[in-house]
Amino acid sequence: MPYASVNGQQLYFEDTGGDGPVVVFSHGNLMNRRMWEPQVRALGEEFRCVVWDARLHGRTKDDGDLYTYWDSADDLLGLLDHLGVERAALVGHSQGGFLSLRAALRAPERVASLVLIDTAAVAWPREALAQMGGVGEGFRAGGPDAVAPALLDLLLGRPDVHEEWLREWRAQPRERLADAVAVLMGVDDISARLGEIAQPALVVHGEADLPVPLPLGRMLRDRLPGAVGLAVIPAAGHTPGLTHPAEVNASLAAFLRRGAASPPVDDPALLPLAFQDALNAHDADRVLALYGEGAVMRTVAGEVIRGSAALRAEVEGMIAAAPCIANSVRHVVAGSDTALVVVDWSLSLAGAGGERVGACGTAVNVAARSPDGTWRFAILNPGGLG
């Protein structure tokens, strides 16, 4: 089995190999490398994907002591040394984001870019610490079955994957699970240092995340100098990579392919993600920059809008309702100057009473190549052509 001897620990890892850019995936608390299987399946032929188990998790053989996420950051950097990798993109979920941010602070020259999924840069509030303390004691006293019903729903929110992760917990000593929660409780606040992290960064966040609420994702988007956008996954909870893999994979793949380019309009297939990023960032200018001259937009209600002033009013009206959109490209037919882009979309907006109102559908959009060689929308048709 592949182990790396790092900082006195034996870190278990899996590596797809290949010549593509290296992407290292770091899992969330009480999870392990297997949470990234949907992402590795989607990206493994294009990128060299490395997944690993942190201390007190999965197959890693550690000394059993408590540690900090600065220690985990050093473990990750040591794993890169073991692999002979000078620089990698880091993808981290929850605690995996904690350690990825700290790796970027510790050794910025080793980090090409960051994808931060349902994570934060702050310490836990008192109420969350009290809840975590109860979870840790539950593991220690009664084992996984004592805490599983409530905790699995909080972390995953999708019953069809609960049993799989309960089996993973049952395979671990209950003291090890409790200690992993204790490590989570000790995370320190690094929000004042976010301005030091200049690498391109994509923030991905479940709209309905309870353990790490969406405003903490917005903080990362707003304070990281290299942040290119916030991809909000509608109706997703704390672990969208498992529960909403198609949406997460679309955002992740496009970001990794484009690096820091913004907006990503050199390929018509990237236009829907650029639209998603701009709208979720509530940036009307970025949205409108994706529309070509004379663009026409049909609303979900069937109204046809054309002209720059009318389009701006429509976009600003959507932004006023705090939109969360997820786009997934189904099909692209591209010619030299025109492309048909078929997109599955889901959108939620704030209703008059503050409640979220959702809609979804398949859009058949037309893109056109601009004189500068980039692609922009010519026709946006949310309801499809039918």
Protein backbone atom coordinates (compact mmCIF):
# COMPACT_ATOMS: atom_id res chain seq x y z
CA MET A 1 0.00 0.00 0.00
CA PRO A 2 1.28 3.53 -0.73
CA TYR A 3 2.43 5.25 2.45
CA ALA A 4 4.56 8.36 2.81
CA SER A 5 6.74 8.70 5.91
CA VAL A 6 6.15 12.35 6.87
CA ASN A 7 6.73 14.08 10.21
CA GLY A 8 6.83 10.80 12.09
CA GLN A 9 3.54 9.58 10.58
CA GLN A 10 2.75 7.10 7.83
CA LEU A 11 0.34 8.97 5.56
CA TYR A 12 -1.80 6.79 3.33
CA PHE A 13 -2.33 8.23 -0.17
CA GLU A 14 -3.50 7.24 -3.63
CA ASP A 15 -2.13 8.75 -6.84
CA THR A 16 -3.62 8.43 -10.32
CA GLY A 17 -0.23 9.29 -11.84
CA GLY A 18 0.13 10.70 -15.32
CA ASP A 19 1.64 13.84 -16.77
CA GLY A 20 -1.24 16.22 -16.07
CA PRO A 21 -1.16 19.07 -13.56
CA VAL A 22 -1.10 17.79 -9.97
CA VAL A 23 -4.21 18.28 -7.83
CA VAL A 24 -4.15 17.23 -4.16
CA PHE A 25 -7.52 16.62 -2.49
CA SER A 26 -7.80 16.96 1.32
CA HIS A 27 -10.91 15.55 2.99
CA GLY A 28 -13.21 16.86 5.70
CA ASN A 29 -13.33 15.89 9.36
CA LEU A 30 -14.56 12.32 10.00
CA MET A 31 -14.29 11.61 6.26
CA ASN A 32 -11.35 10.15 4.34
CA ARG A 33 -9.83 10.06 0.86
CA ARG A 34 -12.84 8.10 -0.47
CA MET A 35 -15.05 11.19 -0.34
CA TRP A 36 -13.25 12.38 -3.49
CA GLU A 37 -14.12 9.38 -5.66
CA PRO A 38 -16.65 11.35 -7.79
CA GLN A 39 -14.06 14.04 -8.46
CA VAL A 40 -11.24 11.62 -9.27
CA ARG A 41 -13.49 9.73 -11.69
CA ALA A 42 -14.31 13.00 -13.47
CA LEU A 43 -10.81 14.49 -13.52
CA GLY A 44 -8.38 11.57 -13.28
CA GLU A 45 -7.66 11.29 -17.01
CA GLU A 46 -6.86 14.99 -17.36
CA PHE A 47 -5.12 15.73 -14.06
CA ARG A 48 -2.81 13.82 -11.75
CA CYS A 49 -5.11 13.43 -8.76
CA VAL A 50 -3.69 12.68 -5.31
CA VAL A 51 -5.96 11.85 -2.36
CA TRP A 52 -4.75 11.14 1.17
CA ASP A 53 -5.90 10.41 4.70
CA ALA A 54 -5.07 12.99 7.37
CA ARG A 55 -3.93 11.97 10.84
CA LEU A 56 -6.63 10.19 12.89
CA HIS A 57 -8.48 9.35 9.67
CA GLY A 58 -8.73 6.44 7.26
CA ARG A 59 -5.72 4.20 6.70
CA THR A 60 -3.06 6.65 7.87
CA LYS A 61 -0.86 5.21 10.64
CA ASP A 62 -0.21 8.00 13.12
CA ASP A 63 1.04 8.37 16.67
CA GLY A 64 -2.50 8.97 17.97
CA ASP A 65 -1.67 12.39 19.41
CA LEU A 66 -3.76 15.50 18.89
CA TYR A 67 -2.38 17.94 16.33
CA THR A 68 -3.18 21.29 14.70
CA TYR A 69 -4.11 22.17 11.14
CA TRP A 70 -0.70 23.81 10.83
CA ASP A 71 0.70 20.33 11.48
CA SER A 72 -1.63 19.00 8.77
CA ALA A 73 -0.39 21.68 6.38
CA ASP A 74 3.17 20.49 7.03
CA ASP A 75 2.01 16.90 6.43
CA LEU A 76 0.59 17.94 3.05
CA LEU A 77 3.79 19.73 2.07
CA GLY A 78 5.77 16.66 3.17
CA LEU A 79 3.54 14.49 0.99
CA LEU A 80 4.39 16.72 -1.97
CA ASP A 81 8.08 16.19 -1.17
CA HIS A 82 7.54 12.43 -1.06
CA LEU A 83 5.86 12.55 -4.47
CA GLY A 84 8.56 14.77 -5.95
CA VAL A 85 6.00 17.47 -6.70
CA GLU A 86 7.19 21.06 -6.53
CA ARG A 87 3.81 22.75 -6.96
CA ALA A 88 0.19 21.60 -6.92
CA ALA A 89 -3.38 22.81 -6.92
CA LEU A 90 -4.98 22.16 -3.53
CA VAL A 91 -8.64 21.18 -3.18
CA GLY A 92 -9.91 21.05 0.38
CA HIS A 93 -13.28 20.31 1.94
CA SER A 94 -14.03 21.73 5.41
CA GLN A 95 -10.96 20.77 7.52
CA GLY A 96 -9.20 20.01 4.22
CA GLY A 97 -9.70 23.68 3.40
CA PHE A 98 -8.33 24.67 6.82
CA LEU A 99 -5.06 22.87 6.14
CA SER A 100 -4.90 23.98 2.48
CA LEU A 101 -5.14 27.65 3.48
CA ARG A 102 -2.39 27.12 6.04
CA ALA A 103 -0.21 25.36 3.46
CA ALA A 104 -0.61 28.41 1.21
CA LEU A 105 0.53 30.63 4.08
CA ARG A 106 3.36 28.31 5.08
CA ALA A 107 4.79 27.72 1.59
CA PRO A 108 3.07 29.88 -1.05
CA GLU A 109 5.57 28.84 -3.73
CA ARG A 110 4.27 25.24 -3.48
CA VAL A 111 0.61 26.11 -4.07
CA ALA A 112 -0.54 26.78 -7.64
CA SER A 113 -4.19 27.46 -6.79
CA LEU A 114 -6.87 26.71 -4.22
CA VAL A 115 -10.37 25.27 -4.34
CA LEU A 116 -12.08 25.73 -0.98
CA ILE A 117 -15.26 23.70 -0.50
CA ASP A 118 -17.53 24.49 2.47
CA THR A 119 -14.66 25.74 4.58
CA ALA A 120 -13.77 28.84 6.58
CA ALA A 121 -10.92 30.89 8.02
CA VAL A 122 -12.37 31.58 11.48
CA ALA A 123 -12.52 29.75 14.80
CA TRP A 124 -15.77 28.12 15.90
CA PRO A 125 -18.34 30.09 17.92
CA ARG A 126 -19.16 28.90 21.43
CA GLU A 127 -22.40 27.21 20.39
CA ALA A 128 -20.66 25.13 17.72
CA LEU A 129 -17.93 24.11 20.17
CA ALA A 130 -20.54 22.91 22.64
CA GLN A 131 -22.22 20.84 19.92
CA MET A 132 -18.90 19.35 18.78
CA GLY A 133 -18.00 18.53 22.35
CA GLY A 134 -21.20 16.51 22.62
CA VAL A 135 -20.40 14.69 19.38
CA GLY A 136 -16.90 13.84 20.58
CA GLU A 137 -18.15 12.49 23.88
CA GLY A 138 -20.84 10.56 22.04
CA PHE A 139 -18.20 8.82 19.94
CA ARG A 140 -16.06 8.10 22.99
CA ALA A 141 -18.87 6.73 25.13
CA GLY A 142 -21.19 5.03 22.65
CA GLY A 143 -19.34 4.72 19.36
CA PRO A 144 -20.56 5.73 15.88
CA ASP A 145 -24.09 4.41 16.26
CA ALA A 146 -24.68 6.75 19.20
CA VAL A 147 -24.19 9.88 17.08
CA ALA A 148 -24.76 8.70 13.52
CA PRO A 149 -28.45 9.58 12.94
CA ALA A 150 -28.11 13.31 13.63
CA LEU A 151 -24.49 13.74 12.55
CA LEU A 152 -24.76 12.00 9.18
CA ASP A 153 -27.78 14.10 8.30
CA LEU A 154 -25.91 17.27 9.31
CA LEU A 155 -22.78 16.39 7.32
CA LEU A 156 -24.31 14.69 4.29
CA GLY A 157 -28.05 15.33 4.24
CA ARG A 158 -28.61 12.52 1.72
CA PRO A 159 -29.78 9.25 3.28
CA ASP A 160 -28.60 7.05 0.41
CA VAL A 161 -24.94 7.69 1.31
CA HIS A 162 -25.35 7.49 5.11
CA GLU A 163 -24.79 3.75 5.48
CA GLU A 164 -21.55 3.84 3.50
CA TRP A 165 -20.02 6.41 5.84
CA LEU A 166 -21.41 4.78 8.95
CA ARG A 167 -19.47 1.66 7.89
CA GLU A 168 -16.33 3.78 7.57
CA TRP A 169 -16.82 5.10 11.11
CA ARG A 170 -17.48 1.63 12.53
CA ALA A 171 -14.13 0.52 11.12
CA GLN A 172 -12.34 3.11 13.29
CA PRO A 173 -11.65 2.97 17.05
CA ARG A 174 -14.17 5.19 18.84
CA GLU A 175 -11.37 7.05 20.64
CA ARG A 176 -9.80 7.92 17.29
CA LEU A 177 -13.08 9.41 16.06
CA ALA A 178 -13.48 11.42 19.26
CA ASP A 179 -9.92 12.75 19.01
CA ALA A 180 -10.51 13.78 15.38
CA VAL A 181 -13.43 15.92 16.57
CA ALA A 182 -11.22 17.40 19.31
CA VAL A 183 -8.71 18.48 16.67
CA LEU A 184 -11.52 20.14 14.70
CA MET A 185 -12.59 22.08 17.78
CA GLY A 186 -9.11 23.58 18.11
CA VAL A 187 -8.95 25.36 14.74
CA ASP A 188 -7.54 28.88 15.06
CA ASP A 189 -8.70 32.07 13.34
CA ILE A 190 -6.58 33.05 10.31
CA SER A 191 -9.06 35.46 8.73
CA ALA A 192 -6.72 38.43 9.29
CA ARG A 193 -4.11 36.72 7.09
CA LEU A 194 -6.29 35.96 4.07
CA GLY A 195 -4.87 38.99 2.28
CA GLU A 196 -1.48 37.22 2.19
CA ILE A 197 -2.84 34.39 0.00
CA ALA A 198 -2.53 35.59 -3.60
CA GLN A 199 -3.02 32.34 -5.52
CA PRO A 200 -6.06 31.96 -7.77
CA ALA A 201 -8.87 30.58 -5.62
CA LEU A 202 -12.32 29.22 -6.26
CA VAL A 203 -14.77 29.05 -3.35
CA VAL A 204 -17.49 26.38 -3.59
CA HIS A 205 -20.23 26.31 -0.97
CA GLY A 206 -23.46 24.49 -0.33
CA GLU A 207 -26.33 26.92 -0.13
CA ALA A 208 -27.89 25.07 2.83
CA ASP A 209 -24.68 24.25 4.74
CA LEU A 210 -25.37 24.36 8.49
CA PRO A 211 -21.98 23.48 10.06
CA VAL A 212 -20.18 26.11 7.94
CA PRO A 213 -22.82 28.66 6.84
CA LEU A 214 -22.63 30.32 3.43
CA PRO A 215 -21.55 33.76 4.78
CA LEU A 216 -18.22 32.18 5.76
CA GLY A 217 -17.71 31.14 2.14
CA ARG A 218 -18.55 34.67 1.05
CA MET A 219 -15.89 35.95 3.47
CA LEU A 220 -13.27 33.83 1.69
CA ARG A 221 -14.45 35.09 -1.70
CA ASP A 222 -14.32 38.69 -0.54
CA ARG A 223 -10.99 38.59 1.32
CA LEU A 224 -8.81 36.33 -0.80
CA PRO A 225 -7.08 38.59 -3.34
CA GLY A 226 -6.97 35.84 -5.97
CA ALA A 227 -10.56 34.65 -5.62
CA VAL A 228 -12.17 34.29 -9.05
CA GLY A 229 -15.66 33.51 -7.83
CA LEU A 230 -18.03 31.82 -5.44
CA ALA A 231 -19.90 28.80 -6.81
CA VAL A 232 -22.98 28.34 -4.61
CA ILE A 233 -24.53 24.89 -5.00
CA PRO A 234 -28.31 25.30 -4.65
CA ALA A 235 -29.98 23.16 -1.96
CA ALA A 236 -26.66 21.47 -1.07
CA GLY A 237 -25.55 20.99 2.53
CA HIS A 238 -22.07 20.63 3.97
CA THR A 239 -20.63 18.02 1.59
CA PRO A 240 -21.68 18.95 -1.97
CA GLY A 241 -18.84 17.00 -3.56
CA LEU A 242 -20.65 13.83 -2.50
CA THR A 243 -24.27 14.93 -2.67
CA HIS A 244 -24.09 17.19 -5.77
CA PRO A 245 -21.02 15.92 -7.66
CA ALA A 246 -22.07 17.07 -11.14
CA GLU A 247 -22.35 20.70 -10.07
CA VAL A 248 -19.13 20.63 -8.06
CA ASN A 249 -17.21 18.81 -10.79
CA ALA A 250 -18.27 21.34 -13.44
CA SER A 251 -17.00 24.26 -11.37
CA LEU A 252 -13.85 22.43 -10.31
CA ALA A 253 -12.89 21.27 -13.80
CA ALA A 254 -13.41 24.66 -15.41
CA PHE A 255 -11.39 26.42 -12.72
CA LEU A 256 -8.50 23.98 -12.90
CA ARG A 257 -8.44 24.23 -16.70
CA ARG A 258 -8.47 27.99 -16.86
CA GLY A 259 -6.20 28.82 -13.93
CA ALA A 260 -6.55 32.50 -13.17
CA ALA A 261 -8.19 33.52 -16.44
CA SER A 262 -11.34 35.62 -15.90
CA PRO A 263 -13.78 35.63 -17.51
CA PRO A 264 -13.21 32.18 -19.06
CA VAL A 265 -14.62 32.84 -22.54
CA ASP A 266 -11.99 31.32 -24.80
CA ASP A 267 -14.19 28.21 -25.13
CA PRO A 268 -18.01 28.32 -25.53
CA ALA A 269 -18.30 25.36 -23.12
CA LEU A 270 -16.94 27.61 -20.35
CA LEU A 271 -19.51 30.37 -20.77
CA PRO A 272 -22.14 28.76 -18.47
CA LEU A 273 -19.63 28.51 -15.62
CA ALA A 274 -18.51 32.10 -16.16
CA PHE A 275 -22.18 33.13 -15.98
CA GLN A 276 -22.63 31.05 -12.82
CA ASP A 277 -19.57 32.55 -11.13
CA ALA A 278 -20.51 36.12 -12.04
CA LEU A 279 -24.16 35.82 -11.01
CA ASN A 280 -23.34 34.05 -7.72
CA ALA A 281 -20.79 36.79 -7.04
CA HIS A 282 -23.66 39.31 -7.55
CA ASP A 283 -21.53 41.21 -10.06
CA ALA A 284 -23.77 42.67 -12.78
CA ASP A 285 -20.85 44.02 -14.82
CA ARG A 286 -19.23 40.59 -15.03
CA VAL A 287 -22.52 39.01 -16.06
CA LEU A 288 -23.18 41.58 -18.76
CA ALA A 289 -19.60 41.25 -20.06
CA LEU A 290 -20.58 37.74 -21.14
CA TYR A 291 -23.32 39.08 -23.44
CA GLY A 292 -22.41 39.92 -27.01
CA GLU A 293 -23.55 43.03 -28.85
CA GLY A 294 -27.27 42.78 -29.58
CA ALA A 295 -27.75 39.83 -27.23
CA VAL A 296 -31.30 38.65 -26.56
CA MET A 297 -32.47 37.01 -23.34
CA ARG A 298 -35.69 35.15 -22.66
CA THR A 299 -36.72 34.97 -19.01
CA VAL A 300 -38.16 31.92 -17.29
CA ALA A 301 -41.54 33.67 -17.48
CA GLY A 302 -41.23 33.88 -21.27
CA GLU A 303 -40.51 37.61 -21.63
CA VAL A 304 -37.98 38.49 -24.35
CA ILE A 305 -35.48 41.19 -23.38
CA ARG A 306 -33.08 42.95 -25.70
CA GLY A 307 -30.99 46.12 -25.55
CA SER A 308 -28.23 46.94 -23.07
CA ALA A 309 -30.40 48.99 -20.71
CA ALA A 310 -33.13 46.36 -20.51
CA LEU A 311 -30.62 43.55 -20.05
CA ARG A 312 -28.87 45.43 -17.24
CA ALA A 313 -32.17 46.06 -15.50
CA GLU A 314 -33.04 42.35 -15.72
CA VAL A 315 -29.65 41.23 -14.40
CA GLU A 316 -29.65 43.77 -11.57
CA GLY A 317 -33.19 42.70 -10.67
CA MET A 318 -32.03 39.08 -10.39
CA ILE A 319 -29.05 40.08 -8.27
CA ALA A 320 -31.33 42.01 -5.91
CA ALA A 321 -33.03 38.67 -5.17
CA ALA A 322 -29.74 37.06 -4.00
CA PRO A 323 -29.51 34.39 -6.73
CA CYS A 324 -27.80 31.02 -6.38
CA ILE A 325 -27.40 29.26 -9.72
CA ALA A 326 -25.73 26.01 -10.76
CA ASN A 327 -25.03 25.29 -14.43
CA SER A 328 -23.99 21.93 -15.85
CA VAL A 329 -23.10 21.74 -19.54
CA ARG A 330 -24.85 18.86 -21.24
CA HIS A 331 -23.77 19.35 -24.86
CA VAL A 332 -21.89 21.80 -27.08
CA VAL A 333 -21.98 21.99 -30.87
CA ALA A 334 -19.41 24.53 -32.04
CA GLY A 335 -18.60 25.93 -35.45
CA SER A 336 -15.93 28.46 -36.28
CA ASP A 337 -17.98 31.47 -35.13
CA THR A 338 -21.22 30.13 -33.62
CA ALA A 339 -21.94 27.50 -30.97
CA LEU A 340 -25.03 25.86 -29.50
CA VAL A 341 -24.62 25.29 -25.75
CA VAL A 342 -27.12 23.06 -23.94
CA VAL A 343 -27.10 23.58 -20.18
CA ASP A 344 -29.01 22.03 -17.27
CA TRP A 345 -29.57 24.73 -14.67
CA SER A 346 -31.07 25.20 -11.24
CA LEU A 347 -31.72 28.58 -9.68
CA SER A 348 -32.96 29.79 -6.33
CA LEU A 349 -33.94 33.35 -5.41
CA ALA A 350 -35.10 35.11 -2.27
CA GLY A 351 -38.89 35.40 -2.23
CA ALA A 352 -40.88 38.37 -0.99
CA GLY A 353 -41.07 36.90 2.50
CA GLY A 354 -37.39 35.98 2.62
CA GLU A 355 -37.96 32.33 1.72
CA ARG A 356 -35.99 30.71 -1.11
CA VAL A 357 -37.87 30.03 -4.33
CA GLY A 358 -36.37 27.54 -6.78
CA ALA A 359 -36.63 26.73 -10.47
CA CYS A 360 -34.73 24.43 -12.83
CA GLY A 361 -34.67 23.53 -16.49
CA THR A 362 -32.60 23.00 -19.61
CA ALA A 363 -31.38 26.01 -21.54
CA VAL A 364 -30.45 25.98 -25.21
CA ASN A 365 -28.19 29.00 -25.67
CA VAL A 366 -26.42 30.41 -28.71
CA ALA A 367 -22.89 31.76 -28.37
CA ALA A 368 -20.97 33.77 -30.95
CA ARG A 369 -17.27 34.46 -31.37
CA SER A 370 -16.44 38.14 -30.90
CA PRO A 371 -13.92 40.04 -33.04
CA ASP A 372 -11.33 39.63 -30.25
CA GLY A 373 -11.64 35.84 -30.53
CA THR A 374 -13.53 35.32 -27.27
CA TRP A 375 -17.04 33.86 -26.97
CA ARG A 376 -20.14 35.61 -25.68
CA PHE A 377 -23.82 34.78 -25.44
CA ALA A 378 -25.98 35.89 -28.36
CA ILE A 379 -29.21 34.25 -27.21
CA LEU A 380 -29.95 33.17 -23.64
CA ASN A 381 -32.96 30.94 -23.58
CA PRO A 382 -33.62 29.53 -20.07
CA GLY A 383 -36.65 27.49 -21.05
CA GLY A 384 -35.09 25.83 -24.09
CA LEU A 385 -36.22 26.26 -27.67
CA GLY A 386 -39.44 24.27 -27.44
